[in-house]
Amino acid sequence: EDRVYLEGQTIIKEDDEGDSCLFVVVRGTVEVWKKLRGRLGEMVPGDAFGEMFAFGIVKRRTTTIVAKTPCLLRALHQRVLMRALEIFPDERQRILYQLLKSGELPSDAKDQMTASSGAESDRAMLQQLLADSHLFRNLPPTFLESLAESAEVRIYIPGEIVVKEGDEGDSMFVVIWGTVSVFQDPRKLAEANRSIAVIRSIRDGLVRTPKRLESEQGELIQVATMQKGSLFGEFAALGINETRNATIQSDQLSMMWNISKEQILEKLIEFPEARANFS
């Protein structure tokens, strides 16, 4: 969608939560302003702004953009951007990674960007998390070290579904940064005679006011919240469960380690002593 702005007209305003478009400058020049810091610079044809807000990485506009001259901008709506990420999954992680590197994120999130470079300390942390989990605690350290080295970093935007209840499980996840909500079908919970109060204590999360999520199967209810260090999907990835037993949704910008079923099976073949634990 093309939009024309006159000299001096405000295009987006810092702290606003409204228009969620990303803008590309086609003609003219715009100025970038920030509270307490004043004028930060200019943008010219070919430059883009508003991407952090459009992708849902931040909840408010982080700068004010004003037309310095009459200008023509191309506005890309959030729904179009999200659809593009779905259509081009191979480009998705690269785009989000670059946004994270350039964006104004909490310091702990920026620190975790090193995870994708295979930093030794990050892999050691993942190895320890695996060793602490019920399924992997009795496995040889060499197996856990090799498994940790095969992990890949995945980034999820707020509201994005990580795994869906009922889908075939082909990987497991460990939360590096951020929080995710766990949703289940309340009818299945009732059939299993498990109270919501008990389920809420799963993992790290105590859910006082559960959220609800519409799905193809009907309304799901939030039963837990998982944070940094939480592991999920391991039962499906190991073939213990044929399908996912819960839907996981990213609450905020979240980074996770992902280990595929294929990688796990390859490591079990490579380490027969570990395979014996699952016999």
Protein backbone atom coordinates (compact mmCIF):
# COMPACT_ATOMS: atom_id res chain seq x y z
CA GLU A 1 0.00 0.00 0.00
CA ASP A 2 1.50 3.36 -1.09
CA ARG A 3 1.13 6.34 1.24
CA VAL A 4 2.02 10.00 0.67
CA TYR A 5 3.17 12.25 3.53
CA LEU A 6 3.72 16.01 3.45
CA GLU A 7 6.71 17.86 4.90
CA GLY A 8 6.55 17.91 8.70
CA GLN A 9 3.89 15.21 8.94
CA THR A 10 4.40 12.51 11.60
CA ILE A 11 4.41 9.02 10.12
CA ILE A 12 4.77 6.99 13.31
CA LYS A 13 5.09 8.18 16.90
CA GLU A 14 7.25 6.71 19.65
CA ASP A 15 5.33 4.55 22.16
CA ASP A 16 2.29 4.20 19.87
CA GLU A 17 0.64 0.78 19.66
CA GLY A 18 -1.50 1.40 16.58
CA ASP A 19 -0.63 0.97 12.90
CA SER A 20 1.54 -2.17 12.72
CA CYS A 21 2.95 -1.63 9.23
CA LEU A 22 6.57 -1.77 8.14
CA PHE A 23 7.48 1.19 5.92
CA VAL A 24 9.87 1.45 2.99
CA VAL A 25 10.92 4.88 1.71
CA VAL A 26 10.23 5.09 -2.04
CA ARG A 27 10.78 8.84 -2.58
CA GLY A 28 11.74 11.69 -0.30
CA THR A 29 13.50 11.87 3.08
CA VAL A 30 12.29 11.18 6.61
CA GLU A 31 13.83 12.06 9.99
CA VAL A 32 14.21 9.73 12.97
CA TRP A 33 13.60 11.14 16.47
CA LYS A 34 13.79 9.60 19.93
CA LYS A 35 12.81 10.94 23.32
CA LEU A 36 15.70 12.29 25.43
CA ARG A 37 18.10 11.78 22.52
CA GLY A 38 16.62 14.10 19.92
CA ARG A 39 17.22 13.68 16.21
CA LEU A 40 19.00 10.41 15.35
CA GLY A 41 19.32 10.78 11.59
CA GLU A 42 17.60 10.52 8.23
CA MET A 43 16.29 7.81 5.94
CA VAL A 44 16.26 7.97 2.16
CA PRO A 45 14.80 5.86 -0.67
CA GLY A 46 15.52 2.18 -0.08
CA ASP A 47 15.58 2.48 3.72
CA ALA A 48 12.96 0.72 5.87
CA PHE A 49 11.66 1.38 9.38
CA GLY A 50 9.11 -0.04 11.81
CA GLU A 51 10.18 -3.65 11.35
CA MET A 52 10.62 -4.44 15.07
CA PHE A 53 7.04 -3.41 15.81
CA ALA A 54 5.60 -4.96 12.65
CA PHE A 55 7.11 -8.37 13.49
CA GLY A 56 5.82 -8.17 17.06
CA ILE A 57 9.30 -8.09 18.59
CA VAL A 58 8.52 -4.90 20.51
CA LYS A 59 5.08 -3.87 21.78
CA ARG A 60 5.39 -0.14 21.03
CA ARG A 61 7.03 2.02 18.40
CA THR A 62 10.59 2.78 19.51
CA THR A 63 11.10 6.02 17.54
CA THR A 64 9.17 8.88 15.95
CA ILE A 65 9.46 9.24 12.17
CA VAL A 66 8.67 12.60 10.55
CA ALA A 67 8.63 13.50 6.85
CA LYS A 68 11.50 15.94 6.17
CA THR A 69 10.29 16.44 2.59
CA PRO A 70 7.14 15.35 0.78
CA CYS A 71 7.61 11.60 0.48
CA LEU A 72 6.13 8.41 -0.86
CA LEU A 73 6.25 5.37 1.40
CA ARG A 74 5.27 1.78 0.81
CA ALA A 75 3.45 0.29 3.82
CA LEU A 76 3.64 -3.48 4.32
CA HIS A 77 0.91 -4.74 6.63
CA GLN A 78 1.77 -7.07 9.49
CA ARG A 79 -0.45 -9.86 8.17
CA VAL A 80 1.43 -9.79 4.85
CA LEU A 81 4.79 -10.00 6.63
CA MET A 82 3.67 -12.91 8.80
CA ARG A 83 2.37 -14.75 5.77
CA ALA A 84 5.71 -14.23 4.03
CA LEU A 85 7.50 -15.84 6.99
CA GLU A 86 5.24 -18.87 6.63
CA ILE A 87 5.77 -19.17 2.88
CA PHE A 88 9.57 -18.79 3.07
CA PRO A 89 10.64 -20.73 6.19
CA ASP A 90 14.28 -20.92 5.09
CA GLU A 91 14.52 -17.12 5.14
CA ARG A 92 12.49 -16.77 8.33
CA GLN A 93 15.24 -17.47 10.86
CA ARG A 94 17.76 -15.29 9.01
CA ILE A 95 15.36 -12.34 8.98
CA LEU A 96 14.43 -12.68 12.64
CA TYR A 97 18.06 -13.14 13.64
CA GLN A 98 19.06 -9.93 11.87
CA LEU A 99 16.17 -8.09 13.48
CA LEU A 100 17.29 -9.29 16.89
CA LYS A 101 20.86 -8.19 16.31
CA SER A 102 19.82 -4.70 15.27
CA GLY A 103 16.90 -4.23 17.64
CA GLU A 104 16.53 -2.74 21.09
CA LEU A 105 16.22 -5.88 23.18
CA PRO A 106 16.75 -6.65 26.86
CA SER A 107 20.42 -7.24 27.63
CA ASP A 108 19.92 -10.90 28.57
CA ALA A 109 18.29 -11.61 25.21
CA LYS A 110 21.18 -10.00 23.33
CA ASP A 111 23.63 -12.07 25.38
CA GLN A 112 21.89 -15.23 24.22
CA MET A 113 22.46 -14.37 20.57
CA THR A 114 25.85 -16.05 20.96
CA ALA A 115 24.06 -19.38 21.31
CA SER A 116 23.71 -19.68 17.54
CA SER A 117 27.47 -19.42 17.12
CA GLY A 118 28.02 -22.62 19.08
CA ALA A 119 29.73 -20.95 22.04
CA GLU A 120 31.18 -23.56 24.38
CA SER A 121 29.47 -22.16 27.49
CA ASP A 122 26.04 -22.27 25.81
CA ARG A 123 26.47 -25.89 24.72
CA ALA A 124 27.65 -26.78 28.22
CA MET A 125 24.48 -25.23 29.64
CA LEU A 126 22.32 -27.24 27.22
CA GLN A 127 24.20 -30.41 28.12
CA GLN A 128 23.51 -29.79 31.81
CA LEU A 129 19.81 -29.13 31.16
CA LEU A 130 19.57 -32.42 29.30
CA ALA A 131 21.40 -34.23 32.11
CA ASP A 132 18.92 -32.83 34.64
CA SER A 133 15.87 -34.02 32.69
CA HIS A 134 14.11 -37.24 33.62
CA LEU A 135 14.61 -38.96 30.26
CA PHE A 136 18.29 -38.14 29.80
CA ARG A 137 19.69 -38.07 33.34
CA ASN A 138 21.19 -41.59 33.21
CA LEU A 139 22.80 -41.26 29.79
CA PRO A 140 26.57 -41.00 29.22
CA PRO A 141 28.02 -37.45 29.27
CA THR A 142 29.63 -38.05 25.86
CA PHE A 143 26.20 -38.75 24.35
CA LEU A 144 24.70 -35.59 25.92
CA GLU A 145 27.65 -33.50 24.77
CA SER A 146 27.28 -34.74 21.19
CA LEU A 147 23.52 -34.18 21.28
CA ALA A 148 23.98 -30.62 22.56
CA GLU A 149 26.41 -29.86 19.74
CA SER A 150 23.76 -30.81 17.18
CA ALA A 151 21.16 -28.35 18.54
CA GLU A 152 20.03 -25.43 16.38
CA VAL A 153 18.68 -22.08 17.56
CA ARG A 154 15.11 -21.17 16.64
CA ILE A 155 13.42 -17.80 17.17
CA TYR A 156 9.67 -17.36 17.70
CA ILE A 157 7.68 -14.13 17.67
CA PRO A 158 4.90 -13.28 20.15
CA GLY A 159 1.76 -15.34 19.59
CA GLU A 160 3.46 -17.85 17.30
CA ILE A 161 2.61 -21.54 17.72
CA VAL A 162 5.73 -23.63 18.36
CA VAL A 163 4.06 -27.05 18.41
CA LYS A 164 0.41 -28.06 18.06
CA GLU A 165 -1.45 -30.67 20.07
CA GLY A 166 -2.16 -33.76 17.99
CA ASP A 167 0.61 -33.13 15.44
CA GLU A 168 3.34 -35.69 14.90
CA GLY A 169 6.36 -34.85 17.00
CA ASP A 170 9.65 -34.56 15.13
CA SER A 171 11.80 -32.53 17.54
CA MET A 172 12.33 -31.37 21.11
CA PHE A 173 12.94 -27.86 22.42
CA VAL A 174 14.79 -26.12 25.25
CA VAL A 175 13.84 -22.51 26.04
CA ILE A 176 16.90 -20.22 25.92
CA TRP A 177 15.13 -16.93 26.50
CA GLY A 178 11.52 -15.79 26.78
CA THR A 179 8.38 -17.55 27.98
CA VAL A 180 5.87 -19.87 26.34
CA SER A 181 2.37 -20.96 27.33
CA VAL A 182 1.17 -24.56 27.38
CA PHE A 183 -2.39 -25.19 26.19
CA GLN A 184 -4.43 -28.40 26.26
CA ASP A 185 -7.92 -29.51 25.33
CA PRO A 186 -9.98 -29.28 28.56
CA ARG A 187 -12.06 -32.28 27.45
CA LYS A 188 -8.97 -34.48 27.37
CA LEU A 189 -7.94 -33.21 30.78
CA ALA A 190 -11.36 -34.15 32.15
CA GLU A 191 -11.21 -37.61 30.57
CA ALA A 192 -7.87 -38.22 32.24
CA ASN A 193 -9.31 -37.16 35.63
CA ARG A 194 -6.58 -34.57 36.07
CA SER A 195 -7.58 -31.34 37.79
CA ILE A 196 -6.63 -27.98 36.33
CA ALA A 197 -5.04 -27.06 39.66
CA VAL A 198 -2.59 -29.95 39.39
CA ILE A 199 -1.84 -29.41 35.73
CA ARG A 200 -1.01 -25.74 36.33
CA SER A 201 2.03 -26.71 38.33
CA ILE A 202 3.65 -28.45 35.35
CA ARG A 203 7.24 -27.40 34.66
CA ASP A 204 8.02 -23.87 35.84
CA GLY A 205 4.63 -22.30 35.44
CA LEU A 206 1.94 -21.51 37.96
CA VAL A 207 -1.08 -20.26 36.01
CA ARG A 208 -3.39 -18.18 38.20
CA THR A 209 -5.64 -16.84 35.45
CA PRO A 210 -5.44 -19.27 32.52
CA LYS A 211 -5.63 -17.91 29.00
CA ARG A 212 -7.70 -19.52 26.28
CA LEU A 213 -6.69 -20.24 22.71
CA GLU A 214 -8.90 -20.98 19.74
CA SER A 215 -7.75 -23.92 17.63
CA GLU A 216 -9.03 -26.25 14.93
CA GLN A 217 -10.01 -28.68 17.69
CA GLY A 218 -11.91 -26.02 19.62
CA GLU A 219 -11.00 -23.89 22.62
CA LEU A 220 -7.83 -24.83 24.49
CA ILE A 221 -7.03 -23.78 28.05
CA GLN A 222 -3.65 -22.67 29.38
CA VAL A 223 -2.27 -25.18 31.87
CA ALA A 224 1.29 -23.95 32.37
CA THR A 225 3.96 -21.40 31.56
CA MET A 226 7.52 -22.42 30.71
CA GLN A 227 10.59 -20.20 31.01
CA LYS A 228 14.33 -20.26 30.39
CA GLY A 229 15.74 -23.75 30.86
CA SER A 230 12.43 -25.58 30.33
CA LEU A 231 12.46 -28.59 28.03
CA PHE A 232 9.46 -29.89 26.07
CA GLY A 233 8.65 -32.21 23.20
CA GLU A 234 11.11 -34.89 24.30
CA PHE A 235 8.49 -37.67 24.54
CA ALA A 236 7.29 -37.15 20.99
CA ALA A 237 10.82 -36.72 19.65
CA LEU A 238 11.86 -40.06 21.18
CA GLY A 239 8.76 -41.84 19.90
CA ILE A 240 7.35 -42.42 23.40
CA ASN A 241 4.28 -40.43 22.33
CA GLU A 242 3.19 -40.59 18.70
CA THR A 243 1.79 -37.07 18.71
CA ARG A 244 2.19 -33.81 20.63
CA ASN A 245 0.13 -33.80 23.82
CA ALA A 246 -0.06 -30.01 24.13
CA THR A 247 0.00 -26.81 22.09
CA ILE A 248 2.89 -24.45 22.89
CA GLN A 249 2.57 -20.74 22.06
CA SER A 250 5.31 -18.13 22.39
CA ASP A 251 4.24 -15.39 24.83
CA GLN A 252 6.95 -12.97 23.76
CA LEU A 253 10.02 -12.99 21.60
CA SER A 254 11.49 -16.40 22.44
CA MET A 255 14.67 -18.23 21.52
CA MET A 256 14.98 -22.00 21.78
CA TRP A 257 17.33 -24.83 21.07
CA ASN A 258 15.79 -27.37 18.72
CA ILE A 259 16.97 -30.98 18.44
CA SER A 260 15.28 -33.06 15.77
CA LYS A 261 14.17 -36.67 16.06
CA GLU A 262 16.56 -37.52 13.24
CA GLN A 263 19.49 -36.04 15.17
CA ILE A 264 18.51 -37.95 18.32
CA LEU A 265 18.24 -41.25 16.42
CA GLU A 266 21.62 -40.66 14.75
CA LYS A 267 23.23 -40.09 18.16
CA LEU A 268 21.60 -43.23 19.57
CA ILE A 269 23.11 -45.25 16.72
CA GLU A 270 26.49 -43.60 17.33
CA PHE A 271 26.28 -44.31 21.08
CA PRO A 272 24.87 -47.85 21.56
CA GLU A 273 25.37 -47.60 25.33
CA ALA A 274 22.86 -44.72 25.35
CA ARG A 275 20.41 -46.66 23.18
CA ALA A 276 20.33 -49.40 25.80
CA ASN A 277 18.63 -46.99 28.21
CA PHE A 278 15.60 -46.80 25.91
CA SER A 279 15.29 -50.53 25.26
